[in-house]
Protein backbone atom coordinates (compact mmCIF):
# COMPACT_ATOMS: atom_id res chain seq x y z
CA MET A 1 -30.65 -35.13 -20.38
CA PHE A 2 -28.05 -38.30 -20.43
CA GLY A 3 -26.72 -36.43 -23.93
CA ASN A 4 -25.11 -39.36 -25.43
CA ARG A 5 -24.54 -41.47 -22.56
CA PRO A 6 -25.72 -45.16 -22.72
CA ALA A 7 -29.39 -46.06 -21.00
CA PHE A 8 -29.08 -46.36 -16.96
CA THR A 9 -25.68 -44.28 -16.62
CA VAL A 10 -28.14 -41.84 -14.66
CA ALA A 11 -28.19 -44.77 -12.21
CA GLN A 12 -24.80 -46.26 -11.77
CA SER A 13 -23.64 -42.53 -11.38
CA ALA A 14 -26.00 -41.32 -8.91
CA ILE A 15 -25.26 -44.47 -6.71
CA LEU A 16 -21.61 -44.11 -6.69
CA GLY A 17 -21.85 -40.55 -6.55
CA TYR A 18 -19.80 -39.18 -9.23
CA SER A 19 -19.90 -35.53 -10.61
CA GLY A 20 -17.83 -33.23 -13.27
CA ASP A 21 -17.47 -34.95 -16.97
CA ASP A 22 -17.73 -38.55 -15.43
CA ALA A 23 -21.59 -38.55 -14.70
CA PHE A 24 -24.16 -35.75 -13.71
CA PRO A 25 -23.88 -31.76 -14.43
CA PRO A 26 -23.92 -30.78 -10.49
CA ASP A 27 -27.67 -29.34 -10.78
CA GLN A 28 -29.09 -33.64 -11.97
CA SER A 29 -26.94 -35.54 -9.41
CA LEU A 30 -26.07 -34.48 -5.95
CA PRO A 31 -22.60 -36.19 -4.50
CA MET A 32 -23.10 -38.95 -1.88
CA SER A 33 -20.68 -37.37 0.31
CA GLY A 34 -22.72 -34.25 0.93
CA LEU A 35 -26.26 -36.22 1.09
CA LEU A 36 -24.65 -38.57 3.96
CA LEU A 37 -23.75 -35.55 5.70
CA ASP A 38 -27.61 -33.61 5.28
CA PRO A 39 -30.18 -34.23 7.97
CA TRP A 40 -32.78 -33.63 5.75
CA PHE A 41 -31.27 -36.77 3.59
CA TYR A 42 -32.35 -39.09 6.57
CA ALA A 43 -35.21 -37.15 7.13
CA ALA A 44 -36.63 -38.54 3.93
CA ALA A 45 -34.99 -41.82 3.31
CA ILE A 46 -35.67 -43.15 6.48
CA PRO A 47 -39.71 -42.77 6.55
CA ALA A 48 -39.28 -43.68 3.06
CA VAL A 49 -37.47 -47.04 3.23
CA ILE A 50 -39.71 -48.17 6.06
CA LEU A 51 -42.97 -47.26 3.81
CA VAL A 52 -41.68 -48.80 0.92
CA GLY A 53 -40.57 -52.05 3.44
CA LEU A 54 -44.21 -51.89 4.89
CA SER A 55 -45.39 -52.43 1.82
CA LYS A 56 -43.27 -55.21 0.65
CA GLY A 57 -44.42 -57.35 3.32
CA GLY A 58 -48.03 -57.20 2.52
CA PHE A 59 -49.10 -54.35 5.13
CA GLY A 60 -49.89 -51.19 3.41
CA GLY A 61 -50.84 -51.72 0.17
CA ALA A 62 -49.36 -49.69 -2.80
CA VAL A 63 -48.21 -47.16 0.21
CA GLY A 64 -44.37 -47.76 -1.05
CA PHE A 65 -44.91 -45.83 -4.21
CA VAL A 66 -44.28 -42.66 -2.00
CA GLY A 67 -40.67 -43.82 -1.75
CA VAL A 68 -39.10 -41.82 -4.60
CA PRO A 69 -41.32 -39.03 -4.15
CA LEU A 70 -40.53 -38.48 -0.37
CA MET A 71 -36.74 -38.75 -1.27
CA ALA A 72 -37.21 -36.65 -4.15
CA LEU A 73 -37.64 -33.45 -1.43
CA THR A 74 -34.04 -33.49 -0.72
CA MET A 75 -32.44 -35.04 -4.33
CA PRO A 76 -33.28 -35.53 -8.09
CA PRO A 77 -36.31 -38.07 -8.55
CA VAL A 78 -33.68 -39.95 -11.03
CA GLN A 79 -31.31 -39.95 -8.16
CA ALA A 80 -33.52 -40.73 -5.55
CA ALA A 81 -34.68 -44.17 -7.67
CA ALA A 82 -31.14 -45.22 -7.86
CA ILE A 83 -30.59 -45.42 -4.39
CA LEU A 84 -33.56 -47.32 -3.74
CA LEU A 85 -32.85 -49.92 -6.25
CA PRO A 86 -30.20 -51.77 -4.30
CA ILE A 87 -32.22 -51.33 -1.27
CA LEU A 88 -35.75 -52.67 -3.16
CA CYS A 89 -33.57 -55.83 -4.57
CA LEU A 90 -32.60 -56.72 -0.98
CA MET A 91 -36.32 -56.26 0.20
CA ASP A 92 -37.43 -58.05 -2.74
CA ILE A 93 -35.38 -61.82 -1.56
CA VAL A 94 -36.66 -61.33 1.78
CA SER A 95 -40.55 -60.86 0.45
CA VAL A 96 -39.85 -63.65 -1.52
CA TRP A 97 -37.97 -65.85 1.40
CA THR A 98 -41.41 -64.72 3.52
CA TRP A 99 -44.10 -65.35 0.77
CA TRP A 100 -42.58 -68.11 -1.03
CA GLY A 101 -45.13 -71.16 -2.85
CA VAL A 102 -47.77 -68.61 -2.13
CA TYR A 103 -48.67 -66.67 -5.32
CA ASP A 104 -51.10 -66.95 -7.95
CA ARG A 105 -49.70 -68.25 -11.12
CA LYS A 106 -52.12 -67.36 -13.90
CA MET A 107 -51.63 -63.49 -12.55
CA LEU A 108 -47.71 -64.15 -13.10
CA VAL A 109 -47.67 -65.00 -16.43
CA ASP A 110 -50.28 -63.29 -17.67
CA MET A 111 -48.50 -59.75 -16.32
CA MET A 112 -45.15 -60.56 -16.52
CA PRO A 113 -44.77 -60.16 -20.49
CA GLY A 114 -46.18 -57.28 -20.05
CA ALA A 115 -44.31 -56.08 -17.98
CA VAL A 116 -40.87 -57.00 -19.65
CA ILE A 117 -42.09 -54.88 -22.64
CA GLY A 118 -42.54 -52.14 -20.09
CA ILE A 119 -38.70 -52.37 -19.00
CA GLY A 120 -37.70 -52.59 -22.08
CA ILE A 121 -39.55 -49.30 -22.99
CA GLY A 122 -38.10 -47.65 -20.09
CA TRP A 123 -34.68 -48.92 -21.52
CA LEU A 124 -35.03 -47.45 -24.71
CA THR A 125 -36.36 -44.38 -23.56
CA ALA A 126 -34.09 -43.37 -20.87
CA ALA A 127 -32.56 -40.75 -22.68
CA LEU A 128 -35.62 -38.88 -23.46
CA VAL A 129 -36.86 -39.11 -19.80
CA THR A 130 -36.23 -35.88 -17.60
CA GLU A 131 -36.68 -34.84 -14.36
CA GLU A 132 -39.48 -32.84 -14.70
CA ALA A 133 -41.04 -36.19 -16.78
CA VAL A 134 -40.86 -38.97 -13.94
CA ARG A 135 -42.21 -35.80 -11.22
CA LEU A 136 -45.00 -36.38 -13.90
CA ILE A 137 -45.15 -39.78 -14.19
CA VAL A 138 -45.03 -40.43 -10.18
CA GLY A 139 -47.77 -37.82 -9.84
CA ALA A 140 -50.09 -39.29 -12.88
CA VAL A 141 -49.62 -42.33 -11.42
CA ALA A 142 -51.05 -41.71 -7.99
CA ILE A 143 -53.99 -39.64 -9.60
CA ILE A 144 -54.97 -42.38 -11.91
CA PHE A 145 -54.75 -45.22 -8.54
CA VAL A 146 -56.98 -43.24 -6.59
CA LEU A 147 -59.47 -42.21 -9.32
CA ARG A 148 -59.18 -46.09 -10.22
CA TRP A 149 -60.67 -47.04 -7.14
CA LEU A 150 -62.88 -44.50 -6.81
CA TYR A 151 -64.61 -45.62 -9.98
CA LEU A 152 -64.51 -49.09 -8.95
CA GLN A 153 -66.29 -48.34 -5.56
CA PHE A 154 -69.00 -46.00 -6.89
CA ARG A 155 -70.01 -48.50 -10.29
CA HIS A 156 -69.66 -51.72 -8.11
CA GLY A 157 -69.17 -51.62 -4.69
CA ALA A 158 -66.67 -52.38 -2.12
CA ASP A 159 -67.43 -56.31 -2.82
CA HIS A 160 -67.12 -56.60 -6.47
CA ALA A 161 -64.63 -59.11 -7.77
CA ALA A 162 -63.62 -59.25 -10.94
CA GLU A 163 -62.38 -61.41 -13.70
CA PRO A 164 -58.95 -61.98 -14.52
CA ASN A 165 -58.58 -60.91 -17.87
CA ARG A 166 -54.69 -61.19 -20.08
CA VAL A 167 -55.23 -58.43 -22.29
CA ALA A 168 -55.84 -56.02 -19.21
CA ALA A 169 -53.43 -57.93 -17.44
CA ALA A 170 -50.94 -57.31 -20.51
CA ILE A 171 -51.71 -53.90 -20.59
CA TRP A 172 -51.28 -52.71 -16.78
CA GLY A 173 -47.96 -54.76 -16.58
CA THR A 174 -46.26 -53.01 -19.37
CA VAL A 175 -47.61 -49.69 -17.43
CA ALA A 176 -46.01 -51.34 -14.08
CA GLY A 177 -42.64 -52.22 -15.76
CA PHE A 178 -42.34 -48.49 -17.51
CA THR A 179 -43.28 -46.88 -14.22
CA SER A 180 -41.18 -48.96 -11.82
CA PHE A 181 -38.33 -48.86 -14.35
CA VAL A 182 -38.30 -44.61 -14.54
CA ALA A 183 -39.08 -44.01 -10.80
CA HIS A 184 -39.94 -47.36 -8.50
CA VAL A 185 -43.91 -46.51 -9.08
CA GLY A 186 -44.68 -49.74 -10.25
CA GLY A 187 -47.14 -50.74 -7.56
CA PRO A 188 -50.16 -48.81 -8.50
CA PRO A 189 -50.76 -50.47 -11.62
CA PHE A 190 -50.09 -53.59 -10.60
CA GLN A 191 -52.52 -53.11 -8.02
CA VAL A 192 -54.64 -51.30 -10.33
CA TYR A 193 -55.43 -54.56 -11.90
CA ALA A 194 -54.96 -56.87 -9.07
CA LEU A 195 -57.00 -55.82 -6.54
CA PRO A 196 -60.41 -56.03 -7.93
CA ILE A 197 -59.81 -59.63 -8.53
CA ARG A 198 -59.81 -59.83 -4.67
CA LEU A 199 -57.33 -62.45 -4.54
CA ASP A 200 -56.36 -63.74 -0.99
CA PRO A 201 -54.44 -61.18 1.08
CA LYS A 202 -51.52 -63.78 1.26
CA VAL A 203 -51.55 -64.55 -2.18
CA LEU A 204 -51.55 -61.10 -3.43
CA SER A 205 -48.68 -60.19 -1.30
CA GLY A 206 -46.91 -63.43 -2.44
CA THR A 207 -47.64 -62.51 -5.96
CA ALA A 208 -46.42 -58.81 -5.89
CA ALA A 209 -43.58 -60.18 -4.21
CA ILE A 210 -42.20 -62.13 -7.30
CA PHE A 211 -43.72 -59.56 -10.24
CA PHE A 212 -41.33 -57.15 -8.42
CA ALA A 213 -38.32 -59.19 -7.04
CA ALA A 214 -38.53 -60.03 -11.47
CA THR A 215 -38.92 -56.75 -12.33
CA ASN A 216 -35.64 -55.42 -10.39
CA ALA A 217 -33.37 -58.25 -11.28
CA LEU A 218 -34.41 -57.50 -15.35
CA LYS A 219 -33.85 -53.66 -14.15
CA LEU A 220 -30.19 -54.35 -12.60
CA LYS A 221 -29.51 -56.70 -15.54
CA ALA A 222 -30.89 -53.18 -18.15
CA ALA A 223 -27.66 -51.57 -15.36
CA GLY A 224 -24.94 -53.89 -16.51
CA MET A 225 -25.11 -55.95 -13.23
CA LYS A 226 -24.11 -59.55 -13.29
CA ILE A 227 -26.83 -62.15 -12.24
CA VAL A 228 -25.12 -65.07 -10.37
CA LEU A 229 -26.61 -68.18 -9.06
CA GLY A 230 -26.33 -70.08 -6.00
CA CYS A 231 -27.17 -67.44 -2.90
CA ASP A 232 -30.11 -69.27 -1.51
CA THR A 233 -29.18 -73.15 -2.66
CA GLY A 234 -29.06 -75.43 0.51
CA GLN A 235 -30.99 -73.62 2.89
CA THR A 236 -34.93 -74.61 4.57
CA ARG A 237 -37.00 -75.48 2.05
CA PHE A 238 -34.07 -74.71 -1.12
CA PHE A 239 -32.95 -77.97 -1.86
CA ILE A 240 -29.24 -78.49 -3.22
CA GLY A 241 -29.12 -78.72 -7.32
CA TRP A 242 -33.11 -78.59 -7.68
CA MET A 243 -33.18 -74.55 -6.39
CA GLY A 244 -30.34 -74.15 -8.78
CA GLN A 245 -32.50 -75.76 -12.06
CA LEU A 246 -35.47 -73.69 -10.82
CA GLU A 247 -33.78 -70.29 -10.62
CA MET A 248 -32.61 -70.53 -14.41
CA GLU A 249 -35.67 -71.84 -15.37
CA ASN A 250 -37.14 -68.29 -13.52
CA TRP A 251 -34.62 -66.51 -14.97
CA VAL A 252 -35.70 -67.54 -18.42
CA TRP A 253 -39.28 -66.63 -17.84
CA MET A 254 -38.35 -63.45 -16.53
CA GLY A 255 -36.45 -62.48 -19.90
CA LEU A 256 -33.14 -64.01 -20.18
CA THR A 257 -32.58 -65.99 -22.91
CA PRO A 258 -31.29 -69.70 -22.22
CA MET A 259 -27.68 -69.02 -23.09
CA GLU A 260 -27.61 -66.04 -20.74
CA ALA A 261 -29.06 -67.83 -17.71
CA ILE A 262 -26.49 -70.53 -18.32
CA VAL A 263 -23.57 -68.09 -18.90
CA ALA A 264 -25.09 -66.66 -15.15
CA ALA A 265 -24.94 -69.60 -14.06
CA THR A 266 -21.53 -71.42 -14.70
CA ARG A 267 -19.10 -68.49 -15.58
CA ASP A 268 -20.42 -65.42 -14.20
CA SER A 269 -21.43 -67.47 -10.70
CA ALA A 270 -17.50 -68.90 -11.14
CA GLU A 271 -15.54 -65.83 -11.31
CA ALA A 272 -18.20 -63.98 -8.97
CA ALA A 273 -16.94 -66.74 -6.20
CA HIS A 274 -13.24 -66.67 -7.45
CA ILE A 275 -13.37 -70.53 -8.22
CA ASN A 276 -11.27 -71.70 -11.24
CA THR A 277 -14.28 -73.10 -13.22
CA GLY A 278 -17.74 -72.54 -14.72
CA MET A 279 -16.54 -72.73 -18.34
CA ILE A 280 -14.64 -74.90 -20.28
CA ALA A 281 -11.33 -73.98 -21.48
CA ALA A 282 -7.42 -74.20 -21.14
CA GLY A 283 -6.23 -73.79 -17.47
CA LYS A 284 -10.29 -74.40 -16.05
CA LEU A 285 -10.92 -77.35 -13.81
CA ALA A 286 -13.05 -79.64 -15.34
CA ASP A 287 -16.48 -79.28 -13.86
CA PHE A 288 -19.09 -79.96 -16.64
CA VAL A 289 -22.72 -81.96 -17.33
CA VAL A 290 -23.31 -83.98 -20.12
CA LEU A 291 -27.26 -83.46 -21.13
CA ASP A 292 -29.51 -85.72 -23.20
CA ALA A 293 -31.33 -82.65 -24.74
CA ASN A 294 -30.24 -78.99 -25.59
CA PRO A 295 -31.17 -76.47 -23.48
CA LEU A 296 -30.89 -73.72 -25.62
CA GLU A 297 -33.90 -75.29 -27.22
CA ASN A 298 -35.53 -75.49 -23.58
CA ILE A 299 -34.17 -74.35 -19.86
CA ALA A 300 -36.21 -76.94 -18.65
CA ASN A 301 -33.52 -79.32 -20.39
CA SER A 302 -30.63 -78.54 -18.07
CA ARG A 303 -32.62 -80.96 -15.80
CA ARG A 304 -31.95 -83.83 -18.32
CA ILE A 305 -28.84 -85.04 -17.01
CA ASN A 306 -26.86 -87.96 -18.76
CA LYS A 307 -23.52 -88.05 -17.09
CA VAL A 308 -21.83 -85.24 -14.47
CA PHE A 309 -17.66 -84.47 -14.46
CA LEU A 310 -15.87 -83.02 -11.83
CA ARG A 311 -12.16 -82.56 -12.17
CA GLY A 312 -12.11 -84.41 -15.15
CA ALA A 313 -13.42 -87.42 -13.39
CA GLU A 314 -17.29 -88.81 -13.94
CA VAL A 315 -18.94 -88.77 -10.80
CA ASP A 316 -20.62 -92.39 -9.84
CA ARG A 317 -24.23 -90.70 -9.59
CA ALA A 318 -25.65 -93.81 -8.54
CA ALA A 319 -23.36 -94.39 -5.47
CA MET A 320 -23.94 -91.09 -4.46
CA ARG A 321 -27.99 -91.59 -4.62
CA ALA A 322 -27.73 -94.79 -2.89
CA LYS A 323 -25.69 -93.00 0.38
CA TRP A 324 -27.98 -90.43 0.11
CA GLN A 325 -31.08 -93.02 0.22
CA LYS A 326 -29.47 -94.97 3.08
CA ARG A 327 -28.51 -91.55 5.06
CA TRP A 328 -32.00 -89.97 4.54
CA PRO A 329 -34.55 -93.07 3.36
CA THR A 330 -37.50 -90.71 4.63
CA ALA A 331 -36.53 -88.09 2.06
CA SER A 332 -35.76 -90.25 -0.50
CA ARG A 333 -39.61 -91.12 -0.88
CA GLN A 334 -40.71 -87.97 -1.19
């Protein structure tokens, strides 16, 4: 389907609506200019986005998986998945914010490594996955999800609670990562493992929000999009500095290397903000920190700050800390 083009060129081209030799043959992708004038596109896309949004918000369970099939009524399924991806990422931001701090850590730890593997498999096999294969995957996931639910109902009853299983979590995490990559239908595989454990509904919603925010971020990285730091820091519950440290650690937990996380948080973030800093180089502002341990060995070592330099001058951290503690005495004791 993709010839010798690199993986995920499909998503990039479909979003931009290119045609001709630089993107897809006409029978594989529809120009966005034409879609935006087609009322049937809106008839399919608006309900699809609403259903996906309801699922992201914790209402409707795995109903969001119908997003791609519904949009595929008016366009190729690969193009539908590409158009939905940035919308899903915006929804992820809202979902993680809404369910912040409410999640099951063990489930995430058990499932995320498999999800990373599944996304990797999807990326490596992207050139082999045809539109017919995407349709088959979407249909198979739907059928397996329903059959699995019926099996559990008849065998164990509606009130049965399964025990967490690391092997099963890894398997279903891999399936969720792969199906999420190729068609954004990672919800049903995730639910196949998560639902029988009978988590509190809020905890389940928060866990799913973090899981799919991570998988969608990794899909964007596979597409070549830069990841940068700091869009949320400073807001309520998102403390300046501290949240940046946690975000870098989360990136590594999601699959980035420590070096990739550091580059994203420094050089790439500065470039995105058009600030002349972010790296030690001639002509750049000398903003840097001195650490007591190597962050390439453990990204959490980025917290072990010894000195801070701003515009080449060392920051008096003790004086700054004293000033803050005087201004906010209650916060300084927490």
